[in-house]
Amino acid sequence: MGAVGEYTPGGHVSYLFLSVMSLLHVCTYIMAGCLVHILDSSIPVYYVVVTAYVSNVLALMTHWMGHRRIVMWWHTAHMGHHINDYPPTRFLSDGYKELK
């Protein structure tokens, strides 16, 4: 593994890790739904869970489309955001680096 702050492409994430993180993600939605239901019992738990889940799927699709050349203006804007604003050398650094 490289030094701290060094970007190493091709890292592998295990299916077990992804499964556990996905399960925790869903549990967070359910807990949020329960909390909203406790605060206002007129709102069913599943309203919050479904709304959060659908919002997350839409956000994921939007991000995914930014990495594909499906809509060119969105790809250009999104990848420019990644490359200019958050390059791996800035994102994976020990300290905060000001934006240009």
Protein backbone atom coordinates (compact mmCIF):
# COMPACT_ATOMS: atom_id res chain seq x y z
CA MET A 1 0.00 0.00 0.00
CA GLY A 2 1.20 3.53 -0.79
CA ALA A 3 2.04 6.33 1.56
CA VAL A 4 -0.70 8.34 3.23
CA GLY A 5 -2.16 10.74 0.69
CA GLU A 6 -0.99 8.66 -2.27
CA TYR A 7 -3.72 7.51 -4.64
CA THR A 8 -3.60 3.84 -5.54
CA PRO A 9 -6.14 2.83 -8.20
CA GLY A 10 -7.61 -0.64 -8.44
CA GLY A 11 -8.18 -1.22 -4.75
CA HIS A 12 -10.48 -4.15 -3.98
CA VAL A 13 -13.48 -3.91 -1.67
CA SER A 14 -14.86 -7.23 -0.48
CA TYR A 15 -18.46 -8.26 -1.03
CA LEU A 16 -18.80 -8.82 2.71
CA PHE A 17 -17.81 -5.20 3.41
CA LEU A 18 -20.25 -3.92 0.76
CA SER A 19 -23.02 -6.12 2.16
CA VAL A 20 -22.46 -4.93 5.73
CA MET A 21 -22.35 -1.28 4.64
CA SER A 22 -25.53 -1.72 2.59
CA LEU A 23 -27.27 -3.31 5.57
CA LEU A 24 -26.17 -0.44 7.83
CA HIS A 25 -27.40 2.02 5.23
CA VAL A 26 -30.86 0.44 5.16
CA CYS A 27 -30.93 0.29 8.98
CA THR A 28 -30.21 4.03 9.05
CA TYR A 29 -33.28 4.64 6.86
CA ILE A 30 -35.43 2.50 9.13
CA MET A 31 -34.17 4.26 12.26
CA ALA A 32 -34.85 7.65 10.65
CA GLY A 33 -38.37 6.48 9.81
CA CYS A 34 -38.93 5.32 13.37
CA LEU A 35 -37.62 8.61 14.79
CA VAL A 36 -39.91 10.68 12.55
CA HIS A 37 -42.84 8.41 13.51
CA ILE A 38 -42.04 8.89 17.21
CA LEU A 39 -41.91 12.67 16.76
CA ASP A 40 -45.09 12.76 14.66
CA SER A 41 -47.17 9.59 14.80
CA SER A 42 -49.34 10.73 11.89
CA ILE A 43 -46.42 10.01 9.52
CA PRO A 44 -46.05 6.28 8.87
CA VAL A 45 -42.54 4.82 9.20
CA TYR A 46 -42.56 3.50 5.64
CA TYR A 47 -43.12 7.02 4.20
CA VAL A 48 -39.74 8.14 5.52
CA VAL A 49 -37.97 4.89 4.61
CA VAL A 50 -39.29 4.86 1.03
CA THR A 51 -38.64 8.58 0.52
CA ALA A 52 -35.04 8.28 1.77
CA TYR A 53 -34.41 5.16 -0.32
CA VAL A 54 -35.82 6.65 -3.53
CA SER A 55 -33.85 9.87 -2.97
CA ASN A 56 -30.66 7.87 -2.50
CA VAL A 57 -31.26 5.84 -5.67
CA LEU A 58 -31.85 9.04 -7.65
CA ALA A 59 -28.66 10.58 -6.24
CA LEU A 60 -26.70 7.44 -7.13
CA MET A 61 -28.09 7.44 -10.68
CA THR A 62 -27.23 11.13 -11.08
CA HIS A 63 -23.68 10.51 -9.88
CA TRP A 64 -23.31 7.42 -12.11
CA MET A 65 -24.51 9.41 -15.14
CA GLY A 66 -21.84 12.01 -14.39
CA HIS A 67 -19.20 9.33 -14.94
CA ARG A 68 -20.70 8.20 -18.28
CA ARG A 69 -20.96 10.08 -21.53
CA ILE A 70 -24.76 9.81 -21.63
CA VAL A 71 -25.42 13.53 -21.18
CA MET A 72 -22.23 15.29 -22.25
CA TRP A 73 -22.75 18.59 -20.41
CA TRP A 74 -23.38 16.70 -17.17
CA HIS A 75 -20.36 14.45 -17.73
CA THR A 76 -18.16 17.50 -18.39
CA ALA A 77 -19.43 19.36 -15.31
CA HIS A 78 -19.25 16.31 -13.03
CA MET A 79 -15.82 15.08 -14.07
CA GLY A 80 -14.52 18.66 -13.96
CA HIS A 81 -15.78 18.73 -10.36
CA HIS A 82 -13.87 15.52 -9.59
CA ILE A 83 -10.67 16.46 -11.37
CA ASN A 84 -10.46 20.17 -10.53
CA ASP A 85 -12.14 20.43 -7.14
CA TYR A 86 -11.41 17.02 -5.62
CA PRO A 87 -8.43 15.33 -7.28
CA PRO A 88 -7.12 12.22 -5.49
CA THR A 89 -4.06 14.14 -4.26
CA ARG A 90 -6.31 16.66 -2.49
CA PHE A 91 -8.93 14.21 -1.27
CA LEU A 92 -6.46 11.67 0.11
CA SER A 93 -4.15 14.09 1.89
CA ASP A 94 -3.12 14.46 5.53
CA GLY A 95 -4.30 18.05 5.83
CA TYR A 96 -6.93 20.29 4.34
CA LYS A 97 -5.99 22.01 1.09
CA GLU A 98 -7.78 25.17 0.01
CA LEU A 99 -9.78 25.12 -3.22
CA LYS A 100 -8.19 27.08 -6.08
